[in-house]
Every structure is written in structure tokens, then in C-alpha cells.
Amino acid sequence: MLLAVEINYSGQDVDTIVRRFAESAGENEFPNGVRLAHRFHSPGTKWACVIVDVDDVVALQLWLSEWIDVLEIQIHPVTTDETVAPVVEAMLNRQG
């Protein structure tokens, strides 16, 4: 399942976040069962979004537990245009 992990943080935690990110980024950043699809940063803000492909909710929770002390996190299930296309088509067909 694709999930958008929306991240907000305060200015007081920036040094900790940058240090932790630099130390953890790379091959072993995500546990087995969680794969990075995309990561987006909004320059000049305290916001980012990580799109992960998850097969293991426990692995997701373990990864998030590494960050919950310095980040405000919201998780949203997301899908691609290709995946949602049949749903849109069914809705249009119902409308006649």
C-alpha cells in the first residue's frame, strides 16, 4: 500500500532532525517491509512528504517511532492515477 507520510516540524528541532537524517539516510534507512517511493521537501518551510510503499504495518510503526520525538506526522493512504482510473470509470458509468 502506498502511504503519504506528511511531516511538519518546529524550528527548535532542526539541528536534531538534520543530524539524524544525515546519519540514517541511505540503504538501511527503512526497515524491511517499507520502501521509499518518493521524498519531497518544501524549501523555506518546515514541511516534507515521504511516499512509502508498505507491506508491513509493524515495520512502518518501527520506522516512525524513530522520528516521533521530533516530527509531527500524519499518514494518508494514496494511489496513482492508473490505480484510481477504474474507480473513476465506474463512477462515471453510474451517472449515466
N, C-alpha and C. Protein backbone atom coordinates (compact mmCIF):
# COMPACT_ATOMS: atom_id res chain seq x y z
N MET A 1 0.84 -1.17 0.00
CA MET A 1 0.00 0.00 0.00
C MET A 1 0.89 1.24 0.00
N LEU A 2 0.51 2.20 -0.82
CA LEU A 2 1.23 3.47 -0.84
C LEU A 2 0.67 4.39 0.24
N LEU A 3 1.57 5.00 0.99
CA LEU A 3 1.18 5.94 2.03
C LEU A 3 1.98 7.23 1.87
N ALA A 4 1.29 8.36 2.03
CA ALA A 4 1.97 9.64 2.10
C ALA A 4 2.18 9.96 3.57
N VAL A 5 3.43 10.09 3.96
CA VAL A 5 3.77 10.43 5.33
C VAL A 5 4.08 11.92 5.32
N GLU A 6 3.14 12.71 5.81
CA GLU A 6 3.27 14.16 5.83
C GLU A 6 3.99 14.56 7.11
N ILE A 7 5.02 15.38 6.97
CA ILE A 7 5.89 15.72 8.09
C ILE A 7 5.91 17.22 8.29
N ASN A 8 5.72 17.64 9.53
CA ASN A 8 5.89 19.02 9.94
C ASN A 8 6.82 19.02 11.14
N TYR A 9 7.58 20.08 11.30
CA TYR A 9 8.49 20.14 12.45
C TYR A 9 8.69 21.58 12.87
N SER A 10 9.19 21.73 14.08
CA SER A 10 9.41 23.08 14.61
C SER A 10 10.86 23.48 14.38
N GLY A 11 11.11 24.76 14.40
CA GLY A 11 12.46 25.28 14.20
C GLY A 11 13.43 24.85 15.27
N GLN A 12 12.93 24.62 16.46
CA GLN A 12 13.82 24.26 17.56
C GLN A 12 14.45 22.88 17.39
N ASP A 13 13.86 22.03 16.56
CA ASP A 13 14.36 20.67 16.37
C ASP A 13 15.18 20.48 15.10
N VAL A 14 15.42 21.53 14.34
CA VAL A 14 16.05 21.40 13.03
C VAL A 14 17.42 20.73 13.13
N ASP A 15 18.27 21.14 14.05
CA ASP A 15 19.61 20.55 14.15
C ASP A 15 19.53 19.05 14.41
N THR A 16 18.66 18.65 15.32
CA THR A 16 18.49 17.22 15.63
C THR A 16 17.99 16.47 14.41
N ILE A 17 17.01 17.04 13.71
CA ILE A 17 16.43 16.38 12.53
C ILE A 17 17.48 16.23 11.43
N VAL A 18 18.21 17.29 11.14
CA VAL A 18 19.22 17.24 10.08
C VAL A 18 20.29 16.21 10.42
N ARG A 19 20.75 16.19 11.64
CA ARG A 19 21.78 15.24 12.06
C ARG A 19 21.27 13.80 11.94
N ARG A 20 20.08 13.56 12.45
CA ARG A 20 19.51 12.21 12.42
C ARG A 20 19.27 11.76 10.97
N PHE A 21 18.77 12.68 10.13
CA PHE A 21 18.54 12.34 8.72
C PHE A 21 19.86 11.98 8.04
N ALA A 22 20.89 12.78 8.25
CA ALA A 22 22.20 12.53 7.63
C ALA A 22 22.76 11.18 8.08
N GLU A 23 22.55 10.83 9.33
CA GLU A 23 23.06 9.56 9.85
C GLU A 23 22.27 8.36 9.35
N SER A 24 20.97 8.54 9.09
CA SER A 24 20.13 7.38 8.76
C SER A 24 19.87 7.22 7.26
N ALA A 25 20.03 8.27 6.48
CA ALA A 25 19.69 8.20 5.05
C ALA A 25 20.60 7.20 4.34
N GLY A 26 20.01 6.52 3.39
CA GLY A 26 20.79 5.56 2.62
C GLY A 26 20.11 4.21 2.57
N GLU A 27 20.90 3.18 2.29
CA GLU A 27 20.38 1.84 2.09
C GLU A 27 19.53 1.31 3.23
N ASN A 28 19.94 1.56 4.44
CA ASN A 28 19.26 0.98 5.60
C ASN A 28 18.31 1.94 6.30
N GLU A 29 17.92 3.00 5.62
CA GLU A 29 17.05 4.00 6.25
C GLU A 29 15.69 3.42 6.63
N PHE A 30 15.15 2.54 5.79
CA PHE A 30 13.82 1.98 6.03
C PHE A 30 13.95 0.49 6.36
N PRO A 31 13.13 0.01 7.28
CA PRO A 31 13.18 -1.42 7.61
C PRO A 31 12.57 -2.26 6.48
N ASN A 32 12.83 -3.56 6.49
CA ASN A 32 12.18 -4.46 5.54
C ASN A 32 10.68 -4.30 5.67
N GLY A 33 9.99 -4.23 4.55
CA GLY A 33 8.55 -4.04 4.55
C GLY A 33 8.13 -2.60 4.31
N VAL A 34 9.12 -1.68 4.27
CA VAL A 34 8.86 -0.26 3.98
C VAL A 34 9.87 0.17 2.92
N ARG A 35 9.37 0.62 1.78
CA ARG A 35 10.25 1.06 0.69
C ARG A 35 9.95 2.51 0.33
N LEU A 36 10.99 3.28 0.15
CA LEU A 36 10.84 4.67 -0.28
C LEU A 36 10.41 4.72 -1.74
N ALA A 37 9.31 5.41 -2.02
CA ALA A 37 8.86 5.63 -3.40
C ALA A 37 9.32 7.02 -3.86
N HIS A 38 9.08 8.03 -3.03
CA HIS A 38 9.47 9.42 -3.32
C HIS A 38 9.64 10.17 -2.00
N ARG A 39 10.43 11.22 -2.05
CA ARG A 39 10.54 12.11 -0.90
C ARG A 39 10.54 13.53 -1.44
N PHE A 40 9.72 14.39 -0.84
CA PHE A 40 9.60 15.77 -1.26
C PHE A 40 9.87 16.70 -0.09
N HIS A 41 10.63 17.76 -0.36
CA HIS A 41 10.92 18.78 0.65
C HIS A 41 10.40 20.11 0.12
N SER A 42 9.87 20.92 1.00
CA SER A 42 9.39 22.24 0.61
C SER A 42 10.38 23.28 1.12
N PRO A 43 11.25 23.80 0.24
CA PRO A 43 12.28 24.74 0.66
C PRO A 43 11.69 25.95 1.38
N GLY A 44 12.35 26.34 2.43
CA GLY A 44 11.93 27.52 3.17
C GLY A 44 10.77 27.28 4.12
N THR A 45 10.33 26.04 4.23
CA THR A 45 9.25 25.70 5.16
C THR A 45 9.73 24.59 6.08
N LYS A 46 8.89 24.21 6.98
CA LYS A 46 9.18 23.10 7.90
C LYS A 46 8.21 21.96 7.57
N TRP A 47 8.18 21.59 6.28
CA TRP A 47 7.25 20.58 5.79
C TRP A 47 7.97 19.67 4.80
N ALA A 48 7.63 18.39 4.84
CA ALA A 48 8.13 17.42 3.87
C ALA A 48 7.07 16.33 3.71
N CYS A 49 7.21 15.55 2.66
CA CYS A 49 6.30 14.43 2.43
C CYS A 49 7.12 13.26 1.90
N VAL A 50 6.94 12.12 2.53
CA VAL A 50 7.62 10.90 2.11
C VAL A 50 6.55 9.92 1.64
N ILE A 51 6.69 9.43 0.41
CA ILE A 51 5.77 8.41 -0.10
C ILE A 51 6.47 7.07 0.07
N VAL A 52 5.83 6.19 0.83
CA VAL A 52 6.40 4.87 1.07
C VAL A 52 5.44 3.79 0.59
N ASP A 53 6.00 2.69 0.15
CA ASP A 53 5.24 1.51 -0.23
C ASP A 53 5.41 0.51 0.92
N VAL A 54 4.31 0.15 1.56
CA VAL A 54 4.36 -0.61 2.81
C VAL A 54 3.66 -1.95 2.67
N ASP A 55 4.36 -3.03 3.08
CA ASP A 55 3.69 -4.33 3.19
C ASP A 55 3.55 -4.73 4.64
N ASP A 56 4.24 -4.05 5.53
CA ASP A 56 4.29 -4.47 6.93
C ASP A 56 4.04 -3.25 7.83
N VAL A 57 2.86 -3.21 8.44
CA VAL A 57 2.50 -2.05 9.26
C VAL A 57 3.37 -1.97 10.51
N VAL A 58 3.83 -3.09 11.03
CA VAL A 58 4.72 -3.06 12.20
C VAL A 58 6.04 -2.40 11.82
N ALA A 59 6.58 -2.74 10.65
CA ALA A 59 7.81 -2.10 10.19
C ALA A 59 7.61 -0.60 10.02
N LEU A 60 6.46 -0.20 9.50
CA LEU A 60 6.15 1.23 9.38
C LEU A 60 6.15 1.90 10.74
N GLN A 61 5.50 1.28 11.71
CA GLN A 61 5.43 1.85 13.05
C GLN A 61 6.82 1.94 13.68
N LEU A 62 7.66 0.94 13.45
CA LEU A 62 9.03 0.98 13.98
C LEU A 62 9.82 2.12 13.36
N TRP A 63 9.68 2.31 12.05
CA TRP A 63 10.38 3.41 11.39
C TRP A 63 9.89 4.76 11.93
N LEU A 64 8.57 4.92 12.04
CA LEU A 64 8.02 6.18 12.56
C LEU A 64 8.44 6.43 14.00
N SER A 65 8.59 5.37 14.78
CA SER A 65 8.97 5.54 16.19
C SER A 65 10.35 6.16 16.34
N GLU A 66 11.16 6.08 15.29
CA GLU A 66 12.50 6.69 15.31
C GLU A 66 12.42 8.21 15.18
N TRP A 67 11.26 8.72 14.74
CA TRP A 67 11.13 10.15 14.43
C TRP A 67 10.06 10.88 15.25
N ILE A 68 9.21 10.16 15.93
CA ILE A 68 8.04 10.76 16.56
C ILE A 68 8.41 11.80 17.62
N ASP A 69 9.61 11.72 18.16
CA ASP A 69 10.01 12.68 19.19
C ASP A 69 10.33 14.07 18.63
N VAL A 70 10.61 14.16 17.31
CA VAL A 70 10.98 15.46 16.73
C VAL A 70 10.10 15.89 15.55
N LEU A 71 9.22 15.00 15.08
CA LEU A 71 8.38 15.33 13.94
C LEU A 71 6.91 15.17 14.27
N GLU A 72 6.10 16.03 13.69
CA GLU A 72 4.65 15.84 13.72
C GLU A 72 4.31 15.09 12.43
N ILE A 73 3.69 13.92 12.56
CA ILE A 73 3.50 13.04 11.42
C ILE A 73 2.02 12.75 11.21
N GLN A 74 1.59 12.84 9.96
CA GLN A 74 0.26 12.41 9.56
C GLN A 74 0.42 11.45 8.39
N ILE A 75 -0.39 10.40 8.38
CA ILE A 75 -0.28 9.38 7.33
C ILE A 75 -1.58 9.35 6.53
N HIS A 76 -1.43 9.33 5.21
CA HIS A 76 -2.59 9.31 4.31
C HIS A 76 -2.39 8.21 3.27
N PRO A 77 -3.35 7.29 3.12
CA PRO A 77 -3.25 6.34 2.01
C PRO A 77 -3.39 7.10 0.69
N VAL A 78 -2.57 6.74 -0.28
CA VAL A 78 -2.61 7.40 -1.59
C VAL A 78 -2.58 6.34 -2.68
N THR A 79 -2.92 6.76 -3.88
CA THR A 79 -2.91 5.87 -5.03
C THR A 79 -2.46 6.64 -6.26
N THR A 80 -2.20 5.92 -7.31
CA THR A 80 -1.78 6.54 -8.57
C THR A 80 -2.99 6.77 -9.47
N ASP A 81 -2.81 7.57 -10.50
CA ASP A 81 -3.88 7.77 -11.48
C ASP A 81 -4.30 6.44 -12.10
N GLU A 82 -3.33 5.60 -12.41
CA GLU A 82 -3.63 4.31 -13.05
C GLU A 82 -4.48 3.43 -12.13
N THR A 83 -4.20 3.45 -10.86
CA THR A 83 -4.94 2.61 -9.92
C THR A 83 -6.35 3.13 -9.69
N VAL A 84 -6.52 4.44 -9.67
CA VAL A 84 -7.84 5.00 -9.39
C VAL A 84 -8.71 5.09 -10.66
N ALA A 85 -8.12 4.92 -11.82
CA ALA A 85 -8.87 5.06 -13.08
C ALA A 85 -10.11 4.16 -13.15
N PRO A 86 -10.05 2.88 -12.76
CA PRO A 86 -11.26 2.05 -12.81
C PRO A 86 -12.37 2.56 -11.87
N VAL A 87 -11.99 3.14 -10.76
CA VAL A 87 -12.98 3.69 -9.82
C VAL A 87 -13.67 4.88 -10.46
N VAL A 88 -12.90 5.76 -11.07
CA VAL A 88 -13.47 6.93 -11.74
C VAL A 88 -14.39 6.48 -12.87
N GLU A 89 -13.95 5.49 -13.63
CA GLU A 89 -14.78 4.98 -14.74
C GLU A 89 -16.10 4.42 -14.21
N ALA A 90 -16.06 3.66 -13.13
CA ALA A 90 -17.28 3.10 -12.54
C ALA A 90 -18.21 4.21 -12.06
N MET A 91 -17.65 5.26 -11.48
CA MET A 91 -18.47 6.39 -11.02
C MET A 91 -19.14 7.08 -12.20
N LEU A 92 -18.40 7.27 -13.28
CA LEU A 92 -18.96 7.91 -14.48
C LEU A 92 -20.06 7.04 -15.09
N ASN A 93 -19.86 5.73 -15.10
CA ASN A 93 -20.87 4.82 -15.65
C ASN A 93 -22.15 4.84 -14.83
N ARG A 94 -22.03 4.98 -13.52
CA ARG A 94 -23.22 5.05 -12.66
C ARG A 94 -24.02 6.32 -12.92
N GLN A 95 -23.33 7.38 -13.29
CA GLN A 95 -24.01 8.65 -13.53
C GLN A 95 -24.73 8.65 -14.88
N GLY A 96 -24.42 7.68 -15.70
CA GLY A 96 -25.12 7.55 -16.98
C GLY A 96 -24.51 8.37 -18.01
